[in-house]
PDB file of N, CA and C in Angstrom:
ATOM      1  N   MET A   1      13.920 -42.548  64.785  1.00  0.00           N
ATOM      2  CA  MET A   1      13.897 -43.693  63.825  1.00  0.00           C
ATOM      3  C   MET A   1      13.181 -43.187  62.749  1.00  0.00           C
ATOM      4  N   VAL A   2      11.772 -42.370  62.798  1.00  0.00           N
ATOM      5  CA  VAL A   2      11.064 -42.069  61.776  1.00  0.00           C
ATOM      6  C   VAL A   2      12.562 -40.869  61.129  1.00  0.00           C
ATOM      7  N   ALA A   3      13.296 -40.129  61.594  1.00  0.00           N
ATOM      8  CA  ALA A   3      13.855 -39.381  60.856  1.00  0.00           C
ATOM      9  C   ALA A   3      15.145 -40.231  59.556  1.00  0.00           C
ATOM     10  N   ALA A   4      15.784 -41.642  60.590  1.00  0.00           N
ATOM     11  CA  ALA A   4      16.273 -42.655  59.930  1.00  0.00           C
ATOM     12  C   ALA A   4      15.358 -43.064  58.322  1.00  0.00           C
ATOM     13  N   VAL A   5      14.154 -43.374  59.107  1.00  0.00           N
ATOM     14  CA  VAL A   5      13.732 -43.759  57.601  1.00  0.00           C
ATOM     15  C   VAL A   5      13.788 -42.844  56.709  1.00  0.00           C
ATOM     16  N   LEU A   6      13.497 -41.466  56.566  1.00  0.00           N
ATOM     17  CA  LEU A   6      12.964 -40.170  55.892  1.00  0.00           C
ATOM     18  C   LEU A   6      14.687 -39.900  55.299  1.00  0.00           C
ATOM     19  N   VAL A   7      15.574 -39.975  56.048  1.00  0.00           N
ATOM     20  CA  VAL A   7      16.839 -39.811  55.350  1.00  0.00           C
ATOM     21  C   VAL A   7      17.177 -41.488  54.746  1.00  0.00           C
ATOM     22  N   TYR A   8      17.185 -42.635  54.708  1.00  0.00           N
ATOM     23  CA  TYR A   8      16.921 -43.907  53.934  1.00  0.00           C
ATOM     24  C   TYR A   8      16.336 -43.426  52.806  1.00  0.00           C
ATOM     25  N   ALA A   9      15.094 -43.312  53.180  1.00  0.00           N
ATOM     26  CA  ALA A   9      14.098 -43.268  51.688  1.00  0.00           C
ATOM     27  C   ALA A   9      14.246 -42.260  50.766  1.00  0.00           C
ATOM     28  N   TRP A  10      14.841 -40.890  50.956  1.00  0.00           N
ATOM     29  CA  TRP A  10      15.551 -40.065  50.137  1.00  0.00           C
ATOM     30  C   TRP A  10      16.714 -41.017  49.858  1.00  0.00           C
ATOM     31  N   ILE A  11      17.860 -41.405  50.261  1.00  0.00           N
ATOM     32  CA  ILE A  11      18.578 -42.092  49.757  1.00  0.00           C
ATOM     33  C   ILE A  11      18.032 -43.223  48.620  1.00  0.00           C
ATOM     34  N   ALA A  12      17.040 -43.714  49.066  1.00  0.00           N
ATOM     35  CA  ALA A  12      16.884 -44.672  48.725  1.00  0.00           C
ATOM     36  C   ALA A  12      16.237 -44.322  46.846  1.00  0.00           C
ATOM     37  N   SER A  13      15.497 -43.376  47.099  1.00  0.00           N
ATOM     38  CA  SER A  13      14.512 -42.816  46.256  1.00  0.00           C
ATOM     39  C   SER A  13      15.439 -42.076  44.958  1.00  0.00           C
ATOM     40  N   GLY A  14      16.931 -41.538  45.248  1.00  0.00           N
ATOM     41  CA  GLY A  14      17.618 -40.796  44.571  1.00  0.00           C
ATOM     42  C   GLY A  14      18.620 -42.221  43.302  1.00  0.00           C
ATOM     43  N   LEU A  15      18.234 -43.148  43.725  1.00  0.00           N
ATOM     44  CA  LEU A  15      19.123 -44.034  42.938  1.00  0.00           C
ATOM     45  C   LEU A  15      18.121 -44.529  41.571  1.00  0.00           C
ATOM     46  N   ARG A  16      18.855 -44.610  40.469  1.00  0.00           N
ATOM     47  CA  ARG A  16      18.025 -44.399  39.350  1.00  0.00           C
ATOM     48  C   ARG A  16      17.416 -45.848  39.383  1.00  0.00           C
ATOM     49  N   ALA A  17      16.079 -46.058  38.901  1.00  0.00           N
ATOM     50  CA  ALA A  17      15.457 -47.435  39.032  1.00  0.00           C
ATOM     51  C   ALA A  17      16.128 -48.490  38.037  1.00  0.00           C
ATOM     52  N   PHE A  18      15.586 -49.968  38.683  1.00  0.00           N
ATOM     53  CA  PHE A  18      16.235 -50.516  37.679  1.00  0.00           C
ATOM     54  C   PHE A  18      17.190 -51.127  37.714  1.00  0.00           C
ATOM     55  N   THR A  19      18.363 -50.613  38.824  1.00  0.00           N
ATOM     56  CA  THR A  19      19.749 -50.648  38.873  1.00  0.00           C
ATOM     57  C   THR A  19      19.903 -51.676  40.215  1.00  0.00           C
ATOM     58  N   HIS A  20      21.296 -52.323  40.286  1.00  0.00           N
ATOM     59  CA  HIS A  20      21.223 -53.181  41.369  1.00  0.00           C
ATOM     60  C   HIS A  20      21.431 -52.344  42.845  1.00  0.00           C
ATOM     61  N   PRO A  21      22.585 -51.221  42.543  1.00  0.00           N
ATOM     62  CA  PRO A  21      22.086 -50.595  43.986  1.00  0.00           C
ATOM     63  C   PRO A  21      20.665 -50.351  44.294  1.00  0.00           C
ATOM     64  N   GLU A  22      19.820 -50.105  43.607  1.00  0.00           N
ATOM     65  CA  GLU A  22      18.304 -49.053  43.607  1.00  0.00           C
ATOM     66  C   GLU A  22      17.474 -51.115  44.252  1.00  0.00           C
ATOM     67  N   ALA A  23      17.428 -52.319  43.398  1.00  0.00           N
ATOM     68  CA  ALA A  23      17.069 -53.477  44.289  1.00  0.00           C
ATOM     69  C   ALA A  23      17.645 -53.959  45.828  1.00  0.00           C
ATOM     70  N   VAL A  24      19.068 -53.577  45.833  1.00  0.00           N
ATOM     71  CA  VAL A  24      19.032 -53.827  47.187  1.00  0.00           C
ATOM     72  C   VAL A  24      18.211 -53.137  48.277  1.00  0.00           C
ATOM     73  N   VAL A  25      18.771 -51.469  47.872  1.00  0.00           N
ATOM     74  CA  VAL A  25      17.993 -50.797  49.204  1.00  0.00           C
ATOM     75  C   VAL A  25      16.636 -50.766  48.986  1.00  0.00           C
ATOM     76  N   VAL A  26      16.103 -51.434  48.028  1.00  0.00           N
ATOM     77  CA  VAL A  26      14.530 -52.019  48.780  1.00  0.00           C
ATOM     78  C   VAL A  26      14.449 -53.613  49.099  1.00  0.00           C
ATOM     79  N   ALA A  27      15.235 -54.227  48.891  1.00  0.00           N
ATOM     80  CA  ALA A  27      14.914 -55.230  49.560  1.00  0.00           C
ATOM     81  C   ALA A  27      15.515 -55.289  51.023  1.00  0.00           C
ATOM     82  N   ILE A  28      16.458 -54.391  51.745  1.00  0.00           N
ATOM     83  CA  ILE A  28      16.442 -53.917  52.731  1.00  0.00           C
ATOM     84  C   ILE A  28      15.322 -54.206  53.576  1.00  0.00           C
ATOM     85  N   PRO A  29      14.614 -53.131  53.286  1.00  0.00           N
ATOM     86  CA  PRO A  29      13.227 -53.261  54.490  1.00  0.00           C
ATOM     87  C   PRO A  29      12.623 -54.419  54.259  1.00  0.00           C
ATOM     88  N   LEU A  30      12.473 -54.920  52.692  1.00  0.00           N
ATOM     89  CA  LEU A  30      11.710 -56.511  52.976  1.00  0.00           C
ATOM     90  C   LEU A  30      12.123 -57.368  53.742  1.00  0.00           C
ATOM     91  N   VAL A  31      13.746 -57.962  53.561  1.00  0.00           N
ATOM     92  CA  VAL A  31      14.811 -59.059  54.640  1.00  0.00           C
ATOM     93  C   VAL A  31      13.911 -58.347  55.627  1.00  0.00           C
ATOM     94  N   VAL A  32      14.205 -56.973  56.119  1.00  0.00           N
ATOM     95  CA  VAL A  32      13.979 -56.804  57.866  1.00  0.00           C
ATOM     96  C   VAL A  32      12.491 -56.883  58.324  1.00  0.00           C
ATOM     97  N   GLY A  33      11.841 -57.043  57.607  1.00  0.00           N
ATOM     98  CA  GLY A  33       9.962 -57.117  57.741  1.00  0.00           C
ATOM     99  C   GLY A  33       9.976 -59.068  57.865  1.00  0.00           C
ATOM    100  N   GLY A  34      10.844 -59.251  56.745  1.00  0.00           N
ATOM    101  CA  GLY A  34      10.705 -60.559  56.665  1.00  0.00           C
ATOM    102  C   GLY A  34      11.148 -61.700  57.826  1.00  0.00           C
ATOM    103  N   ILE A  35      12.071 -60.952  58.295  1.00  0.00           N
ATOM    104  CA  ILE A  35      12.669 -61.429  59.373  1.00  0.00           C
ATOM    105  C   ILE A  35      12.287 -61.391  60.912  1.00  0.00           C
ATOM    106  N   ALA A  36      11.424 -60.466  61.033  1.00  0.00           N
ATOM    107  CA  ALA A  36      10.617 -59.934  62.148  1.00  0.00           C
ATOM    108  C   ALA A  36       9.453 -60.702  62.081  1.00  0.00           C
ATOM    109  N   MET A  37       9.060 -60.730  60.684  1.00  0.00           N
ATOM    110  CA  MET A  37       7.664 -61.516  60.947  1.00  0.00           C
ATOM    111  C   MET A  37       8.045 -63.009  61.036  1.00  0.00           C
ATOM    112  N   LEU A  38       8.906 -64.016  61.186  1.00  0.00           N
ATOM    113  CA  LEU A  38       9.275 -65.249  60.816  1.00  0.00           C
ATOM    114  C   LEU A  38       9.430 -65.269  62.347  1.00  0.00           C
ATOM    115  N   ARG A  39       9.969 -64.217  62.845  1.00  0.00           N
ATOM    116  CA  ARG A  39      10.188 -64.273  64.409  1.00  0.00           C
ATOM    117  C   ARG A  39       9.034 -64.174  65.581  1.00  0.00           C
ATOM    118  N   MET A  40       7.762 -64.058  65.138  1.00  0.00           N
ATOM    119  CA  MET A  40       6.819 -63.632  65.744  1.00  0.00           C
ATOM    120  C   MET A  40       6.034 -65.060  65.706  1.00  0.00           C
ATOM    121  N   HIS A  41       5.004 -65.257  66.496  1.00  0.00           N
ATOM    122  CA  HIS A  41       4.355 -66.433  66.129  1.00  0.00           C
ATOM    123  C   HIS A  41       2.943 -66.357  66.887  1.00  0.00           C
ATOM    124  N   PRO A  42       1.962 -65.256  66.378  1.00  0.00           N
ATOM    125  CA  PRO A  42       0.833 -64.996  66.765  1.00  0.00           C
ATOM    126  C   PRO A  42      -0.166 -66.353  66.787  1.00  0.00           C
ATOM    127  N   PRO A  43      -1.003 -66.504  67.734  1.00  0.00           N
ATOM    128  CA  PRO A  43      -1.572 -67.111  67.819  1.00  0.00           C
ATOM    129  C   PRO A  43      -2.302 -67.329  66.588  1.00  0.00           C
ATOM    130  N   GLU A  44      -2.951 -68.583  66.439  1.00  0.00           N
ATOM    131  CA  GLU A  44      -4.046 -68.817  64.916  1.00  0.00           C
ATOM    132  C   GLU A  44      -5.559 -68.772  65.800  1.00  0.00           C
ATOM    133  N   THR A  45      -6.349 -67.788  65.024  1.00  0.00           N
ATOM    134  CA  THR A  45      -7.632 -67.268  65.456  1.00  0.00           C
ATOM    135  C   THR A  45      -8.450 -67.201  64.275  1.00  0.00           C
ATOM    136  N   ASP A  46      -9.927 -67.119  64.767  1.00  0.00           N
ATOM    137  CA  ASP A  46     -10.580 -67.261  63.767  1.00  0.00           C
ATOM    138  C   ASP A  46     -10.466 -66.067  62.839  1.00  0.00           C
ATOM    139  N   ALA A  47     -10.181 -64.834  63.667  1.00  0.00           N
ATOM    140  CA  ALA A  47     -10.097 -63.437  63.164  1.00  0.00           C
ATOM    141  C   ALA A  47      -8.887 -63.925  62.198  1.00  0.00           C
ATOM    142  N   THR A  48      -7.731 -63.999  62.545  1.00  0.00           N
ATOM    143  CA  THR A  48      -6.537 -63.902  61.622  1.00  0.00           C
ATOM    144  C   THR A  48      -6.901 -64.730  60.727  1.00  0.00           C
ATOM    145  N   ARG A  49      -7.637 -65.851  60.147  1.00  0.00           N
ATOM    146  CA  ARG A  49      -8.270 -66.789  59.253  1.00  0.00           C
ATOM    147  C   ARG A  49      -8.857 -65.488  58.191  1.00  0.00           C
ATOM    148  N   ARG A  50      -9.859 -65.384  59.441  1.00  0.00           N
ATOM    149  CA  ARG A  50     -10.452 -64.275  58.257  1.00  0.00           C
ATOM    150  C   ARG A  50     -10.235 -63.206  57.575  1.00  0.00           C
ATOM    151  N   GLY A  51      -8.907 -62.369  57.920  1.00  0.00           N
ATOM    152  CA  GLY A  51      -8.241 -61.977  58.022  1.00  0.00           C
ATOM    153  C   GLY A  51      -7.201 -62.378  56.841  1.00  0.00           C
ATOM    154  N   THR A  52      -7.019 -63.229  56.706  1.00  0.00           N
ATOM    155  CA  THR A  52      -6.393 -63.808  55.594  1.00  0.00           C
ATOM    156  C   THR A  52      -6.880 -64.153  54.367  1.00  0.00           C
ATOM    157  N   TRP A  53      -8.256 -64.127  54.888  1.00  0.00           N
ATOM    158  CA  TRP A  53      -9.399 -64.316  53.373  1.00  0.00           C
ATOM    159  C   TRP A  53      -9.751 -63.149  53.509  1.00  0.00           C
ATOM    160  N   VAL A  54      -9.666 -61.820  53.716  1.00  0.00           N
ATOM    161  CA  VAL A  54     -10.243 -60.270  52.793  1.00  0.00           C
ATOM    162  C   VAL A  54      -9.017 -60.145  52.254  1.00  0.00           C
ATOM    163  N   TRP A  55      -7.528 -60.549  52.484  1.00  0.00           N
ATOM    164  CA  TRP A  55      -6.721 -60.155  52.319  1.00  0.00           C
ATOM    165  C   TRP A  55      -6.569 -61.421  50.833  1.00  0.00           C
ATOM    166  N   ALA A  56      -6.509 -62.110  50.670  1.00  0.00           N
ATOM    167  CA  ALA A  56      -6.393 -63.060  49.375  1.00  0.00           C
ATOM    168  C   ALA A  56      -7.832 -62.336  48.287  1.00  0.00           C
ATOM    169  N   ALA A  57      -8.530 -61.911  49.165  1.00  0.00           N
ATOM    170  CA  ALA A  57      -9.915 -61.052  48.110  1.00  0.00           C
ATOM    171  C   ALA A  57      -9.401 -60.191  47.283  1.00  0.00           C
ATOM    172  N   LEU A  58      -8.734 -58.963  48.409  1.00  0.00           N
ATOM    173  CA  LEU A  58      -8.159 -58.238  47.735  1.00  0.00           C
ATOM    174  C   LEU A  58      -6.992 -58.187  46.753  1.00  0.00           C
ATOM    175  N   PHE A  59      -6.458 -59.284  47.071  1.00  0.00           N
ATOM    176  CA  PHE A  59      -5.364 -59.295  46.315  1.00  0.00           C
ATOM    177  C   PHE A  59      -5.767 -60.070  44.850  1.00  0.00           C
ATOM    178  N   GLY A  60      -6.757 -60.878  44.962  1.00  0.00           N
ATOM    179  CA  GLY A  60      -7.494 -61.436  43.343  1.00  0.00           C
ATOM    180  C   GLY A  60      -7.941 -60.148  42.672  1.00  0.00           C
ATOM    181  N   ALA A  61      -8.552 -59.434  43.756  1.00  0.00           N
ATOM    182  CA  ALA A  61      -9.579 -57.869  43.123  1.00  0.00           C
ATOM    183  C   ALA A  61      -8.377 -57.629  42.572  1.00  0.00           C
ATOM    184  N   VAL A  62      -7.177 -56.936  43.303  1.00  0.00           N
ATOM    185  CA  VAL A  62      -6.088 -55.967  42.066  1.00  0.00           C
ATOM    186  C   VAL A  62      -5.488 -56.862  41.202  1.00  0.00           C
ATOM    187  N   LEU A  63      -5.452 -58.026  41.275  1.00  0.00           N
ATOM    188  CA  LEU A  63      -4.679 -58.884  39.959  1.00  0.00           C
ATOM    189  C   LEU A  63      -5.659 -59.010  38.759  1.00  0.00           C
ATOM    190  N   ILE A  64      -6.639 -59.626  39.218  1.00  0.00           N
ATOM    191  CA  ILE A  64      -8.024 -59.030  38.119  1.00  0.00           C
ATOM    192  C   ILE A  64      -8.342 -57.568  37.142  1.00  0.00           C
ATOM    193  N   TRP A  65      -7.969 -56.638  38.084  1.00  0.00           N
ATOM    194  CA  TRP A  65      -8.288 -55.648  37.693  1.00  0.00           C
ATOM    195  C   TRP A  65      -7.384 -54.917  36.735  1.00  0.00           C
ATOM    196  N   GLU A  66      -5.566 -55.493  37.422  1.00  0.00           N
ATOM    197  CA  GLU A  66      -4.584 -55.331  36.310  1.00  0.00           C
ATOM    198  C   GLU A  66      -4.175 -56.224  35.462  1.00  0.00           C
ATOM    199  N   LEU A  67      -4.913 -57.071  35.299  1.00  0.00           N
ATOM    200  CA  LEU A  67      -4.737 -58.276  33.799  1.00  0.00           C
ATOM    201  C   LEU A  67      -5.816 -57.487  33.161  1.00  0.00           C
ATOM    202  N   ILE A  68      -6.893 -57.308  33.407  1.00  0.00           N
ATOM    203  CA  ILE A  68      -7.902 -56.686  32.498  1.00  0.00           C
ATOM    204  C   ILE A  68      -7.332 -55.480  31.985  1.00  0.00           C
ATOM    205  N   SER A  69      -7.101 -54.893  32.809  1.00  0.00           N
ATOM    206  CA  SER A  69      -6.300 -53.335  32.414  1.00  0.00           C
ATOM    207  C   SER A  69      -5.531 -53.155  31.530  1.00  0.00           C
ATOM    208  N   TYR A  70      -4.522 -54.565  31.531  1.00  0.00           N
ATOM    209  CA  TYR A  70      -3.394 -54.807  30.458  1.00  0.00           C
ATOM    210  C   TYR A  70      -4.015 -54.738  29.279  1.00  0.00           C
ATOM    211  N   ARG A  71      -4.769 -55.895  29.247  1.00  0.00           N
ATOM    212  CA  ARG A  71      -5.155 -56.678  28.000  1.00  0.00           C
ATOM    213  C   ARG A  71      -5.805 -55.246  27.043  1.00  0.00           C
ATOM    214  N   LEU A  72      -6.411 -54.589  27.616  1.00  0.00           N
ATOM    215  CA  LEU A  72      -7.073 -52.978  27.383  1.00  0.00           C
ATOM    216  C   LEU A  72      -6.307 -52.215  26.720  1.00  0.00           C
ATOM    217  N   SER A  73      -6.875 -51.345  25.665  1.00  0.00           N
ATOM    218  CA  SER A  73      -5.809 -50.300  25.543  1.00  0.00           C
ATOM    219  C   SER A  73      -6.567 -48.974  25.065  1.00  0.00           C
ATOM    220  N   PRO A  74      -6.325 -48.266  24.683  1.00  0.00           N
ATOM    221  CA  PRO A  74      -4.813 -47.411  25.281  1.00  0.00           C
ATOM    222  C   PRO A  74      -4.866 -47.296  26.477  1.00  0.00           C
ATOM    223  N   ARG A  75      -3.568 -47.527  27.404  1.00  0.00           N
ATOM    224  CA  ARG A  75      -3.554 -47.071  29.021  1.00  0.00           C
ATOM    225  C   ARG A  75      -3.709 -45.972  29.461  1.00  0.00           C
ATOM    226  N   VAL A  76      -4.143 -44.621  28.562  1.00  0.00           N
ATOM    227  CA  VAL A  76      -4.485 -43.669  29.277  1.00  0.00           C
ATOM    228  C   VAL A  76      -6.224 -44.010  29.864  1.00  0.00           C
ATOM    229  N   GLU A  77      -7.003 -44.444  29.138  1.00  0.00           N
ATOM    230  CA  GLU A  77      -8.265 -44.898  29.165  1.00  0.00           C
ATOM    231  C   GLU A  77      -8.649 -46.434  30.521  1.00  0.00           C
ATOM    232  N   HIS A  78      -7.221 -47.406  30.381  1.00  0.00           N
ATOM    233  CA  HIS A  78      -7.438 -48.241  30.889  1.00  0.00           C
ATOM    234  C   HIS A  78      -5.884 -48.519  31.772  1.00  0.00           C
ATOM    235  N   PRO A  79      -5.857 -47.483  32.533  1.00  0.00           N
ATOM    236  CA  PRO A  79      -4.304 -47.441  33.177  1.00  0.00           C
ATOM    237  C   PRO A  79      -4.408 -48.696  34.334  1.00  0.00           C
ATOM    238  N   THR A  80      -3.116 -49.701  34.116  1.00  0.00           N
ATOM    239  CA  THR A  80      -2.591 -50.353  34.546  1.00  0.00           C
ATOM    240  C   THR A  80      -1.942 -49.795  36.323  1.00  0.00           C
ATOM    241  N   LEU A  81      -1.693 -50.933  37.264  1.00  0.00           N
ATOM    242  CA  LEU A  81      -1.291 -49.991  38.600  1.00  0.00           C
ATOM    243  C   LEU A  81       0.352 -49.563  38.101  1.00  0.00           C
ATOM    244  N   SER A  82       0.999 -50.119  37.061  1.00  0.00           N
ATOM    245  CA  SER A  82       2.563 -49.661  37.177  1.00  0.00           C
ATOM    246  C   SER A  82       2.437 -48.662  35.954  1.00  0.00           C
ATOM    247  N   SER A  83       1.323 -48.304  35.032  1.00  0.00           N
ATOM    248  CA  SER A  83       1.314 -46.825  34.442  1.00  0.00           C
ATOM    249  C   SER A  83       1.049 -45.948  35.566  1.00  0.00           C
ATOM    250  N   ILE A  84      -0.029 -46.201  36.619  1.00  0.00           N
ATOM    251  CA  ILE A  84      -0.472 -44.973  37.974  1.00  0.00           C
ATOM    252  C   ILE A  84       0.986 -44.765  38.131  1.00  0.00           C
ATOM    253  N   ALA A  85       1.776 -45.912  38.592  1.00  0.00           N
ATOM    254  CA  ALA A  85       2.580 -45.633  39.634  1.00  0.00           C
ATOM    255  C   ALA A  85       3.811 -44.794  39.083  1.00  0.00           C
ATOM    256  N   ASP A  86       3.953 -44.789  37.463  1.00  0.00           N
ATOM    257  CA  ASP A  86       5.384 -44.495  36.921  1.00  0.00           C
ATOM    258  C   ASP A  86       4.841 -42.765  36.587  1.00  0.00           C
ATOM    259  N   SER A  87       3.680 -42.734  36.367  1.00  0.00           N
ATOM    260  CA  SER A  87       3.505 -41.110  36.883  1.00  0.00           C
ATOM    261  C   SER A  87       3.684 -40.918  37.975  1.00  0.00           C
ATOM    262  N   ALA A  88       3.774 -41.067  39.578  1.00  0.00           N
ATOM    263  CA  ALA A  88       3.599 -40.688  40.582  1.00  0.00           C
ATOM    264  C   ALA A  88       4.936 -40.168  40.523  1.00  0.00           C
ATOM    265  N   MET A  89       5.715 -41.773  40.078  1.00  0.00           N
ATOM    266  CA  MET A  89       7.325 -41.624  40.574  1.00  0.00           C
ATOM    267  C   MET A  89       8.303 -41.215  39.567  1.00  0.00           C
ATOM    268  N   SER A  90       8.423 -40.466  38.558  1.00  0.00           N
ATOM    269  CA  SER A  90       8.514 -40.021  37.755  1.00  0.00           C
ATOM    270  C   SER A  90       9.622 -38.690  38.263  1.00  0.00           C
ATOM    271  N   THR A  91       9.708 -38.294  39.680  1.00  0.00           N
ATOM    272  CA  THR A  91      10.552 -37.463  39.856  1.00  0.00           C
ATOM    273  C   THR A  91      10.774 -37.537  41.367  1.00  0.00           C
ATOM    274  N   HIS A  92      12.558 -37.383  41.769  1.00  0.00           N
ATOM    275  CA  HIS A  92      12.825 -37.760  43.019  1.00  0.00           C
ATOM    276  C   HIS A  92      11.936 -37.909  44.256  1.00  0.00           C
ATOM    277  N   PRO A  93      11.415 -36.579  44.314  1.00  0.00           N
ATOM    278  CA  PRO A  93       9.980 -36.031  45.601  1.00  0.00           C
ATOM    279  C   PRO A  93       8.922 -37.146  44.795  1.00  0.00           C
ATOM    280  N   GLY A  94       8.958 -37.566  44.216  1.00  0.00           N
ATOM    281  CA  GLY A  94       7.217 -38.482  44.054  1.00  0.00           C
ATOM    282  C   GLY A  94       8.212 -39.743  44.230  1.00  0.00           C
ATOM    283  N   ARG A  95       8.989 -40.364  44.039  1.00  0.00           N
ATOM    284  CA  ARG A  95       9.564 -41.520  44.343  1.00  0.00           C
ATOM    285  C   ARG A  95       9.848 -41.504  46.079  1.00  0.00           C
ATOM    286  N   PHE A  96      10.178 -40.693  46.362  1.00  0.00           N
ATOM    287  CA  PHE A  96      10.668 -40.289  48.078  1.00  0.00           C
ATOM    288  C   PHE A  96       9.002 -40.874  48.614  1.00  0.00           C
ATOM    289  N   VAL A  97       8.057 -40.076  48.244  1.00  0.00           N
ATOM    290  CA  VAL A  97       6.922 -40.218  48.681  1.00  0.00           C
ATOM    291  C   VAL A  97       5.843 -41.437  48.706  1.00  0.00           C
ATOM    292  N   VAL A  98       6.440 -42.560  47.509  1.00  0.00           N
ATOM    293  CA  VAL A  98       5.731 -43.341  47.235  1.00  0.00           C
ATOM    294  C   VAL A  98       6.697 -44.331  48.054  1.00  0.00           C
ATOM    295  N   PHE A  99       8.231 -44.252  48.540  1.00  0.00           N
ATOM    296  CA  PHE A  99       8.751 -45.037  49.236  1.00  0.00           C
ATOM    297  C   PHE A  99       8.556 -44.851  50.924  1.00  0.00           C
ATOM    298  N   VAL A 100       8.220 -43.792  51.330  1.00  0.00           N
ATOM    299  CA  VAL A 100       7.800 -43.769  52.620  1.00  0.00           C
ATOM    300  C   VAL A 100       6.335 -44.391  52.903  1.00  0.00           C
ATOM    301  N   ALA A 101       5.757 -43.946  51.819  1.00  0.00           N
ATOM    302  CA  ALA A 101       3.933 -44.428  52.010  1.00  0.00           C
ATOM    303  C   ALA A 101       4.438 -46.147  52.037  1.00  0.00           C
ATOM    304  N   TRP A 102       5.686 -46.679  51.230  1.00  0.00           N
ATOM    305  CA  TRP A 102       5.494 -48.156  51.580  1.00  0.00           C
ATOM    306  C   TRP A 102       6.128 -48.465  52.602  1.00  0.00           C
ATOM    307  N   VAL A 103       7.195 -47.893  53.148  1.00  0.00           N
ATOM    308  CA  VAL A 103       7.554 -48.186  54.160  1.00  0.00           C
ATOM    309  C   VAL A 103       6.690 -48.415  55.345  1.00  0.00           C
ATOM    310  N   GLY A 104       5.786 -46.989  55.053  1.00  0.00           N
ATOM    311  CA  GLY A 104       4.837 -47.101  56.166  1.00  0.00           C
ATOM    312  C   GLY A 104       4.074 -47.735  56.327  1.00  0.00           C
ATOM    313  N   LEU A 105       3.711 -48.291  55.567  1.00  0.00           N
ATOM    314  CA  LEU A 105       2.079 -49.336  55.272  1.00  0.00           C
ATOM    315  C   LEU A 105       2.973 -50.909  55.556  1.00  0.00           C
ATOM    316  N   GLY A 106       4.143 -50.903  54.932  1.00  0.00           N
ATOM    317  CA  GLY A 106       4.572 -51.900  55.791  1.00  0.00           C
ATOM    318  C   GLY A 106       4.589 -52.276  57.376  1.00  0.00           C
ATOM    319  N   TYR A 107       5.431 -51.228  57.824  1.00  0.00           N
ATOM    320  CA  TYR A 107       5.035 -50.708  59.077  1.00  0.00           C
ATOM    321  C   TYR A 107       3.713 -51.104  59.995  1.00  0.00           C
ATOM    322  N   TRP A 108       2.746 -50.346  59.399  1.00  0.00           N
ATOM    323  CA  TRP A 108       1.558 -50.545  59.887  1.00  0.00           C
ATOM    324  C   TRP A 108       1.233 -51.862  59.468  1.00  0.00           C
ATOM    325  N   LEU A 109       1.275 -52.576  58.867  1.00  0.00           N
ATOM    326  CA  LEU A 109       0.850 -53.813  58.347  1.00  0.00           C
ATOM    327  C   LEU A 109       1.386 -55.047  59.945  1.00  0.00           C
ATOM    328  N   PHE A 110       2.731 -54.208  59.738  1.00  0.00           N
ATOM    329  CA  PHE A 110       3.501 -55.076  60.656  1.00  0.00           C
ATOM    330  C   PHE A 110       2.981 -55.377  61.966  1.00  0.00           C
ATOM    331  N   ARG A 111       2.636 -53.540  62.912  1.00  0.00           N
ATOM    332  CA  ARG A 111       2.544 -53.696  64.053  1.00  0.00           C
ATOM    333  C   ARG A 111       0.936 -54.241  64.253  1.00  0.00           C
ATOM    334  N   ARG A 112       0.221 -54.682  63.264  1.00  0.00           N
ATOM    335  CA  ARG A 112      -1.201 -55.180  63.663  1.00  0.00           C
ATOM    336  C   ARG A 112      -0.525 -56.427  63.874  1.00  0.00           C
TER     337      ARG A 112
END
């Protein structure tokens, strides 16, 4: 399974950004993960509700950082997440590492 994911990530990261084929190969893990999540019915507990608030707070903090950084300039002094990601993903190996990390994070979150 790990080898298949690595091969898939290498192929996906080799596609040109912002194209239809690239959107499709990125959407496939999202759709598979979404279907798997819909099929699961974890019990609602206090820990689940607390975890939801923690994730919401983290998402809010990242969103605020992104909006503030977007309004400030120059980008070198106030980088947004996308400008940081652009430098990391400017090469095929960089995109491969980011794609594998993205799939790995998704799998880890799914298994929790």
